[in-house]
PDB file of N, CA and C in Angstrom:
ATOM      1  N   MET A   1     -60.927  -2.862  -6.861  1.00  0.00           N
ATOM      2  CA  MET A   1     -59.827  -2.200  -6.218  1.00  0.00           C
ATOM      3  C   MET A   1     -58.641  -3.152  -6.150  1.00  0.00           C
ATOM      4  N   ARG A   2     -57.508  -2.641  -6.522  1.00  0.00           N
ATOM      5  CA  ARG A   2     -56.324  -3.494  -6.572  1.00  0.00           C
ATOM      6  C   ARG A   2     -55.446  -3.239  -5.345  1.00  0.00           C
ATOM      7  N   ILE A   3     -55.061  -4.273  -4.686  1.00  0.00           N
ATOM      8  CA  ILE A   3     -54.220  -4.157  -3.489  1.00  0.00           C
ATOM      9  C   ILE A   3     -52.832  -4.646  -3.872  1.00  0.00           C
ATOM     10  N   SER A   4     -51.858  -3.771  -3.722  1.00  0.00           N
ATOM     11  CA  SER A   4     -50.483  -4.188  -4.051  1.00  0.00           C
ATOM     12  C   SER A   4     -49.896  -4.929  -2.856  1.00  0.00           C
ATOM     13  N   ARG A   5     -49.217  -5.958  -3.178  1.00  0.00           N
ATOM     14  CA  ARG A   5     -48.628  -6.764  -2.121  1.00  0.00           C
ATOM     15  C   ARG A   5     -47.144  -6.446  -2.018  1.00  0.00           C
ATOM     16  N   ILE A   6     -46.780  -5.789  -0.953  1.00  0.00           N
ATOM     17  CA  ILE A   6     -45.386  -5.454  -0.685  1.00  0.00           C
ATOM     18  C   ILE A   6     -44.923  -6.354   0.455  1.00  0.00           C
ATOM     19  N   PRO A   7     -43.855  -7.073   0.238  1.00  0.00           N
ATOM     20  CA  PRO A   7     -43.386  -7.933   1.324  1.00  0.00           C
ATOM     21  C   PRO A   7     -42.951  -7.101   2.528  1.00  0.00           C
ATOM     22  N   ARG A   8     -42.944  -7.732   3.674  1.00  0.00           N
ATOM     23  CA  ARG A   8     -42.588  -7.021   4.904  1.00  0.00           C
ATOM     24  C   ARG A   8     -41.179  -6.430   4.822  1.00  0.00           C
ATOM     25  N   ALA A   9     -40.271  -7.138   4.201  1.00  0.00           N
ATOM     26  CA  ALA A   9     -38.904  -6.625   4.076  1.00  0.00           C
ATOM     27  C   ALA A   9     -38.891  -5.342   3.266  1.00  0.00           C
ATOM     28  N   GLY A  10     -39.742  -5.250   2.277  1.00  0.00           N
ATOM     29  CA  GLY A  10     -39.819  -4.052   1.456  1.00  0.00           C
ATOM     30  C   GLY A  10     -40.379  -2.874   2.214  1.00  0.00           C
ATOM     31  N   ARG A  11     -41.323  -3.123   3.120  1.00  0.00           N
ATOM     32  CA  ARG A  11     -41.889  -2.034   3.923  1.00  0.00           C
ATOM     33  C   ARG A  11     -40.923  -1.583   5.005  1.00  0.00           C
ATOM     34  N   ALA A  12     -40.109  -2.471   5.511  1.00  0.00           N
ATOM     35  CA  ALA A  12     -39.167  -2.130   6.575  1.00  0.00           C
ATOM     36  C   ALA A  12     -37.875  -1.533   6.017  1.00  0.00           C
ATOM     37  N   MET A  13     -37.663  -1.618   4.730  1.00  0.00           N
ATOM     38  CA  MET A  13     -36.408  -1.171   4.141  1.00  0.00           C
ATOM     39  C   MET A  13     -36.211   0.335   4.205  1.00  0.00           C
ATOM     40  N   PRO A  14     -37.189   1.167   3.883  1.00  0.00           N
ATOM     41  CA  PRO A  14     -36.926   2.613   3.911  1.00  0.00           C
ATOM     42  C   PRO A  14     -36.441   3.141   5.256  1.00  0.00           C
ATOM     43  N   PRO A  15     -37.032   2.756   6.399  1.00  0.00           N
ATOM     44  CA  PRO A  15     -36.461   3.265   7.667  1.00  0.00           C
ATOM     45  C   PRO A  15     -35.027   2.786   7.895  1.00  0.00           C
ATOM     46  N   PHE A  16     -34.739   1.568   7.488  1.00  0.00           N
ATOM     47  CA  PHE A  16     -33.383   1.059   7.637  1.00  0.00           C
ATOM     48  C   PHE A  16     -32.414   1.857   6.776  1.00  0.00           C
ATOM     49  N   VAL A  17     -32.803   2.156   5.550  1.00  0.00           N
ATOM     50  CA  VAL A  17     -31.950   2.919   4.650  1.00  0.00           C
ATOM     51  C   VAL A  17     -31.725   4.322   5.205  1.00  0.00           C
ATOM     52  N   VAL A  18     -32.779   4.943   5.714  1.00  0.00           N
ATOM     53  CA  VAL A  18     -32.656   6.284   6.301  1.00  0.00           C
ATOM     54  C   VAL A  18     -31.717   6.247   7.497  1.00  0.00           C
ATOM     55  N   LEU A  19     -31.866   5.252   8.353  1.00  0.00           N
ATOM     56  CA  LEU A  19     -31.003   5.134   9.526  1.00  0.00           C
ATOM     57  C   LEU A  19     -29.553   4.918   9.112  1.00  0.00           C
ATOM     58  N   ALA A  20     -29.338   4.083   8.108  1.00  0.00           N
ATOM     59  CA  ALA A  20     -27.979   3.843   7.637  1.00  0.00           C
ATOM     60  C   ALA A  20     -27.361   5.117   7.074  1.00  0.00           C
ATOM     61  N   CYS A  21     -28.132   5.885   6.333  1.00  0.00           N
ATOM     62  CA  CYS A  21     -27.615   7.146   5.778  1.00  0.00           C
ATOM     63  C   CYS A  21     -27.267   8.135   6.878  1.00  0.00           C
ATOM     64  N   VAL A  22     -28.098   8.198   7.898  1.00  0.00           N
ATOM     65  CA  VAL A  22     -27.834   9.102   9.019  1.00  0.00           C
ATOM     66  C   VAL A  22     -26.567   8.691   9.753  1.00  0.00           C
ATOM     67  N   LEU A  23     -26.404   7.394   9.976  1.00  0.00           N
ATOM     68  CA  LEU A  23     -25.205   6.920  10.665  1.00  0.00           C
ATOM     69  C   LEU A  23     -23.949   7.167   9.839  1.00  0.00           C
ATOM     70  N   LEU A  24     -24.033   6.953   8.538  1.00  0.00           N
ATOM     71  CA  LEU A  24     -22.864   7.195   7.686  1.00  0.00           C
ATOM     72  C   LEU A  24     -22.528   8.677   7.593  1.00  0.00           C
ATOM     73  N   ALA A  25     -23.541   9.522   7.607  1.00  0.00           N
ATOM     74  CA  ALA A  25     -23.296  10.958   7.553  1.00  0.00           C
ATOM     75  C   ALA A  25     -22.685  11.455   8.853  1.00  0.00           C
ATOM     76  N   ALA A  26     -23.008  10.804   9.960  1.00  0.00           N
ATOM     77  CA  ALA A  26     -22.474  11.220  11.255  1.00  0.00           C
ATOM     78  C   ALA A  26     -20.997  10.871  11.385  1.00  0.00           C
ATOM     79  N   CYS A  27     -20.572   9.852  10.681  1.00  0.00           N
ATOM     80  CA  CYS A  27     -19.166   9.450  10.735  1.00  0.00           C
ATOM     81  C   CYS A  27     -18.357  10.337   9.793  1.00  0.00           C
ATOM     82  N   SER A  28     -17.261  10.816  10.277  1.00  0.00           N
ATOM     83  CA  SER A  28     -16.383  11.604   9.416  1.00  0.00           C
ATOM     84  C   SER A  28     -14.945  11.198   9.698  1.00  0.00           C
ATOM     85  N   MET A  29     -14.057  11.533   8.768  1.00  0.00           N
ATOM     86  CA  MET A  29     -12.663  11.181   8.941  1.00  0.00           C
ATOM     87  C   MET A  29     -12.063  12.006  10.075  1.00  0.00           C
ATOM     88  N   PRO A  30     -11.191  11.412  10.888  1.00  0.00           N
ATOM     89  CA  PRO A  30     -10.568  12.183  11.962  1.00  0.00           C
ATOM     90  C   PRO A  30      -9.600  13.214  11.379  1.00  0.00           C
ATOM     91  N   LYS A  31      -9.425  14.278  12.095  1.00  0.00           N
ATOM     92  CA  LYS A  31      -8.505  15.326  11.646  1.00  0.00           C
ATOM     93  C   LYS A  31      -7.076  14.828  11.800  1.00  0.00           C
ATOM     94  N   SER A  32      -6.231  15.164  10.850  1.00  0.00           N
ATOM     95  CA  SER A  32      -4.835  14.773  10.952  1.00  0.00           C
ATOM     96  C   SER A  32      -4.134  15.732  11.910  1.00  0.00           C
ATOM     97  N   PRO A  33      -3.096  15.252  12.588  1.00  0.00           N
ATOM     98  CA  PRO A  33      -2.389  16.137  13.513  1.00  0.00           C
ATOM     99  C   PRO A  33      -1.711  17.272  12.743  1.00  0.00           C
ATOM    100  N   ASP A  34      -1.524  18.375  13.415  1.00  0.00           N
ATOM    101  CA  ASP A  34      -0.874  19.520  12.791  1.00  0.00           C
ATOM    102  C   ASP A  34       0.524  19.146  12.337  1.00  0.00           C
ATOM    103  N   GLU A  35       0.940  19.756  11.236  1.00  0.00           N
ATOM    104  CA  GLU A  35       2.271  19.473  10.692  1.00  0.00           C
ATOM    105  C   GLU A  35       3.358  19.839  11.701  1.00  0.00           C
ATOM    106  N   GLU A  36       3.140  20.891  12.461  1.00  0.00           N
ATOM    107  CA  GLU A  36       4.166  21.353  13.384  1.00  0.00           C
ATOM    108  C   GLU A  36       4.278  20.466  14.613  1.00  0.00           C
ATOM    109  N   ARG A  37       3.209  19.764  14.959  1.00  0.00           N
ATOM    110  CA  ARG A  37       3.219  18.967  16.178  1.00  0.00           C
ATOM    111  C   ARG A  37       3.103  17.481  15.902  1.00  0.00           C
ATOM    112  N   ARG A  38       3.672  17.014  14.832  1.00  0.00           N
ATOM    113  CA  ARG A  38       3.632  15.573  14.557  1.00  0.00           C
ATOM    114  C   ARG A  38       4.522  14.841  15.562  1.00  0.00           C
ATOM    115  N   PRO A  39       4.129  13.656  15.976  1.00  0.00           N
ATOM    116  CA  PRO A  39       4.941  12.920  16.948  1.00  0.00           C
ATOM    117  C   PRO A  39       6.254  12.462  16.324  1.00  0.00           C
ATOM    118  N   GLU A  40       7.261  12.438  17.139  1.00  0.00           N
ATOM    119  CA  GLU A  40       8.573  11.980  16.682  1.00  0.00           C
ATOM    120  C   GLU A  40       8.547  10.459  16.532  1.00  0.00           C
ATOM    121  N   PRO A  41       9.108   9.940  15.442  1.00  0.00           N
ATOM    122  CA  PRO A  41       9.147   8.479  15.295  1.00  0.00           C
ATOM    123  C   PRO A  41      10.064   7.863  16.348  1.00  0.00           C
ATOM    124  N   GLN A  42       9.629   6.747  16.871  1.00  0.00           N
ATOM    125  CA  GLN A  42      10.415   6.062  17.888  1.00  0.00           C
ATOM    126  C   GLN A  42      10.970   4.786  17.283  1.00  0.00           C
ATOM    127  N   ALA A  43      12.162   4.883  16.747  1.00  0.00           N
ATOM    128  CA  ALA A  43      12.781   3.742  16.081  1.00  0.00           C
ATOM    129  C   ALA A  43      13.261   2.735  17.118  1.00  0.00           C
ATOM    130  N   GLN A  44      13.013   1.496  16.821  1.00  0.00           N
ATOM    131  CA  GLN A  44      13.475   0.422  17.680  1.00  0.00           C
ATOM    132  C   GLN A  44      14.868   0.003  17.226  1.00  0.00           C
ATOM    133  N   PRO A  45      15.705  -0.456  18.140  1.00  0.00           N
ATOM    134  CA  PRO A  45      17.017  -0.948  17.716  1.00  0.00           C
ATOM    135  C   PRO A  45      16.841  -2.156  16.795  1.00  0.00           C
ATOM    136  N   LYS A  46      17.687  -2.224  15.779  1.00  0.00           N
ATOM    137  CA  LYS A  46      17.563  -3.320  14.819  1.00  0.00           C
ATOM    138  C   LYS A  46      18.004  -4.633  15.448  1.00  0.00           C
ATOM    139  N   SER A  47      17.233  -5.664  15.187  1.00  0.00           N
ATOM    140  CA  SER A  47      17.560  -6.975  15.723  1.00  0.00           C
ATOM    141  C   SER A  47      18.592  -7.653  14.826  1.00  0.00           C
ATOM    142  N   ALA A  48      19.145  -8.744  15.311  1.00  0.00           N
ATOM    143  CA  ALA A  48      20.128  -9.494  14.543  1.00  0.00           C
ATOM    144  C   ALA A  48      19.505 -10.058  13.275  1.00  0.00           C
ATOM    145  N   LEU A  49      18.238 -10.434  13.338  1.00  0.00           N
ATOM    146  CA  LEU A  49      17.552 -10.974  12.172  1.00  0.00           C
ATOM    147  C   LEU A  49      17.436  -9.915  11.083  1.00  0.00           C
ATOM    148  N   VAL A  50      17.098  -8.691  11.478  1.00  0.00           N
ATOM    149  CA  VAL A  50      16.972  -7.602  10.507  1.00  0.00           C
ATOM    150  C   VAL A  50      18.340  -7.292   9.901  1.00  0.00           C
ATOM    151  N   GLU A  51      19.356  -7.272  10.703  1.00  0.00           N
ATOM    152  CA  GLU A  51      20.709  -7.011  10.197  1.00  0.00           C
ATOM    153  C   GLU A  51      21.141  -8.085   9.199  1.00  0.00           C
ATOM    154  N   THR A  52      20.842  -9.349   9.498  1.00  0.00           N
ATOM    155  CA  THR A  52      21.195 -10.436   8.588  1.00  0.00           C
ATOM    156  C   THR A  52      20.430 -10.315   7.276  1.00  0.00           C
ATOM    157  N   ALA A  53      19.147 -10.007   7.359  1.00  0.00           N
ATOM    158  CA  ALA A  53      18.338  -9.858   6.151  1.00  0.00           C
ATOM    159  C   ALA A  53      18.833  -8.686   5.315  1.00  0.00           C
ATOM    160  N   ASN A  54      19.187  -7.585   5.971  1.00  0.00           N
ATOM    161  CA  ASN A  54      19.715  -6.434   5.239  1.00  0.00           C
ATOM    162  C   ASN A  54      21.040  -6.766   4.572  1.00  0.00           C
ATOM    163  N   ALA A  55      21.876  -7.548   5.235  1.00  0.00           N
ATOM    164  CA  ALA A  55      23.157  -7.929   4.637  1.00  0.00           C
ATOM    165  C   ALA A  55      22.921  -8.733   3.357  1.00  0.00           C
ATOM    166  N   TYR A  56      22.001  -9.693   3.390  1.00  0.00           N
ATOM    167  CA  TYR A  56      21.671 -10.456   2.184  1.00  0.00           C
ATOM    168  C   TYR A  56      21.121  -9.550   1.091  1.00  0.00           C
ATOM    169  N   LYS A  57      20.280  -8.621   1.472  1.00  0.00           N
ATOM    170  CA  LYS A  57      19.673  -7.707   0.505  1.00  0.00           C
ATOM    171  C   LYS A  57      20.741  -6.841  -0.160  1.00  0.00           C
ATOM    172  N   TYR A  58      21.646  -6.294   0.635  1.00  0.00           N
ATOM    173  CA  TYR A  58      22.686  -5.432   0.066  1.00  0.00           C
ATOM    174  C   TYR A  58      23.633  -6.219  -0.830  1.00  0.00           C
ATOM    175  N   ARG A  59      23.951  -7.456  -0.447  1.00  0.00           N
ATOM    176  CA  ARG A  59      24.808  -8.285  -1.304  1.00  0.00           C
ATOM    177  C   ARG A  59      24.112  -8.634  -2.604  1.00  0.00           C
ATOM    178  N   ALA A  60      22.817  -8.886  -2.553  1.00  0.00           N
ATOM    179  CA  ALA A  60      22.070  -9.198  -3.774  1.00  0.00           C
ATOM    180  C   ALA A  60      22.040  -7.986  -4.701  1.00  0.00           C
ATOM    181  N   ARG A  61      21.839  -6.806  -4.145  1.00  0.00           N
ATOM    182  CA  ARG A  61      21.836  -5.588  -4.969  1.00  0.00           C
ATOM    183  C   ARG A  61      23.212  -5.365  -5.603  1.00  0.00           C
ATOM    184  N   ALA A  62      24.272  -5.589  -4.835  1.00  0.00           N
ATOM    185  CA  ALA A  62      25.620  -5.422  -5.368  1.00  0.00           C
ATOM    186  C   ALA A  62      25.885  -6.438  -6.470  1.00  0.00           C
ATOM    187  N   SER A  63      25.386  -7.655  -6.295  1.00  0.00           N
ATOM    188  CA  SER A  63      25.569  -8.688  -7.305  1.00  0.00           C
ATOM    189  C   SER A  63      24.848  -8.329  -8.600  1.00  0.00           C
ATOM    190  N   VAL A  64      23.642  -7.799  -8.486  1.00  0.00           N
ATOM    191  CA  VAL A  64      22.889  -7.390  -9.672  1.00  0.00           C
ATOM    192  C   VAL A  64      23.621  -6.261 -10.395  1.00  0.00           C
ATOM    193  N   ALA A  65      24.111  -5.287  -9.643  1.00  0.00           N
ATOM    194  CA  ALA A  65      24.834  -4.167 -10.255  1.00  0.00           C
ATOM    195  C   ALA A  65      26.094  -4.655 -10.954  1.00  0.00           C
ATOM    196  N   ALA A  66      26.828  -5.597 -10.333  1.00  0.00           N
ATOM    197  CA  ALA A  66      28.050  -6.121 -10.939  1.00  0.00           C
ATOM    198  C   ALA A  66      27.745  -6.891 -12.221  1.00  0.00           C
ATOM    199  N   SER A  67      26.678  -7.682 -12.214  1.00  0.00           N
ATOM    200  CA  SER A  67      26.351  -8.441 -13.421  1.00  0.00           C
ATOM    201  C   SER A  67      25.867  -7.512 -14.541  1.00  0.00           C
ATOM    202  N   GLU A  68      25.153  -6.437 -14.186  1.00  0.00           N
ATOM    203  CA  GLU A  68      24.747  -5.476 -15.217  1.00  0.00           C
ATOM    204  C   GLU A  68      25.947  -4.763 -15.811  1.00  0.00           C
ATOM    205  N   ASP A  69      26.912  -4.419 -14.979  1.00  0.00           N
ATOM    206  CA  ASP A  69      28.130  -3.783 -15.484  1.00  0.00           C
ATOM    207  C   ASP A  69      28.902  -4.730 -16.394  1.00  0.00           C
ATOM    208  N   ALA A  70      28.985  -5.996 -16.000  1.00  0.00           N
ATOM    209  CA  ALA A  70      29.686  -6.983 -16.821  1.00  0.00           C
ATOM    210  C   ALA A  70      28.977  -7.161 -18.160  1.00  0.00           C
ATOM    211  N   ALA A  71      27.666  -7.161 -18.162  1.00  0.00           N
ATOM    212  CA  ALA A  71      26.916  -7.306 -19.405  1.00  0.00           C
ATOM    213  C   ALA A  71      27.139  -6.092 -20.311  1.00  0.00           C
ATOM    214  N   LYS A  72      27.193  -4.905 -19.738  1.00  0.00           N
ATOM    215  CA  LYS A  72      27.460  -3.701 -20.537  1.00  0.00           C
ATOM    216  C   LYS A  72      28.855  -3.739 -21.144  1.00  0.00           C
ATOM    217  N   ARG A  73      29.839  -4.183 -20.358  1.00  0.00           N
ATOM    218  CA  ARG A  73      31.211  -4.286 -20.899  1.00  0.00           C
ATOM    219  C   ARG A  73      31.275  -5.317 -22.017  1.00  0.00           C
ATOM    220  N   GLU A  74      30.607  -6.438 -21.842  1.00  0.00           N
ATOM    221  CA  GLU A  74      30.596  -7.490 -22.864  1.00  0.00           C
ATOM    222  C   GLU A  74      29.914  -6.989 -24.139  1.00  0.00           C
ATOM    223  N   GLN A  75      28.801  -6.257 -23.967  1.00  0.00           N
ATOM    224  CA  GLN A  75      28.109  -5.709 -25.133  1.00  0.00           C
ATOM    225  C   GLN A  75      28.981  -4.690 -25.857  1.00  0.00           C
ATOM    226  N   ALA A  76      29.732  -3.897 -25.093  1.00  0.00           N
ATOM    227  CA  ALA A  76      30.632  -2.918 -25.714  1.00  0.00           C
ATOM    228  C   ALA A  76      31.732  -3.621 -26.493  1.00  0.00           C
ATOM    229  N   LYS A  77      32.251  -4.722 -25.964  1.00  0.00           N
ATOM    230  CA  LYS A  77      33.287  -5.500 -26.680  1.00  0.00           C
ATOM    231  C   LYS A  77      32.712  -6.068 -27.978  1.00  0.00           C
ATOM    232  N   LEU A  78      31.494  -6.606 -27.907  1.00  0.00           N
ATOM    233  CA  LEU A  78      30.861  -7.168 -29.108  1.00  0.00           C
ATOM    234  C   LEU A  78      30.599  -6.087 -30.144  1.00  0.00           C
ATOM    235  N   ASP A  79      30.150  -4.923 -29.711  1.00  0.00           N
ATOM    236  CA  ASP A  79      29.900  -3.819 -30.638  1.00  0.00           C
ATOM    237  C   ASP A  79      31.190  -3.358 -31.308  1.00  0.00           C
ATOM    238  N   ALA A  80      32.286  -3.300 -30.522  1.00  0.00           N
ATOM    239  CA  ALA A  80      33.573  -2.881 -31.074  1.00  0.00           C
ATOM    240  C   ALA A  80      34.101  -3.904 -32.069  1.00  0.00           C
ATOM    241  N   ALA A  81      33.856  -5.180 -31.809  1.00  0.00           N
ATOM    242  CA  ALA A  81      34.358  -6.237 -32.687  1.00  0.00           C
ATOM    243  C   ALA A  81      33.575  -6.279 -34.015  1.00  0.00           C
ATOM    244  N   THR A  82      32.321  -5.893 -34.001  1.00  0.00           N
ATOM    245  CA  THR A  82      31.515  -5.953 -35.226  1.00  0.00           C
ATOM    246  C   THR A  82      31.702  -4.719 -36.111  1.00  0.00           C
ATOM    247  N   GLN A  83      32.322  -3.714 -35.629  1.00  0.00           N
ATOM    248  CA  GLN A  83      32.488  -2.496 -36.440  1.00  0.00           C
ATOM    249  C   GLN A  83      33.768  -2.499 -37.211  1.00  0.00           C
TER     250      GLN A  83
END
């Protein structure tokens, strides 16, 4: 007669797996609030730091736009000169 040797961890695993599956099945995603009754956003007043950062950001965007426009004008001049 052959006796299979199953380690204790192997024998204890099925109840643990069953318990884990039951716990995971019991958890579900919470319901989202109704579209009609969503809470109103409560905006905080902008701090001086945020205003300064936004000013740098807007100047950088304006600088990029100006350099792209200058590059387009230069390319148009080069195209006109080669024709």
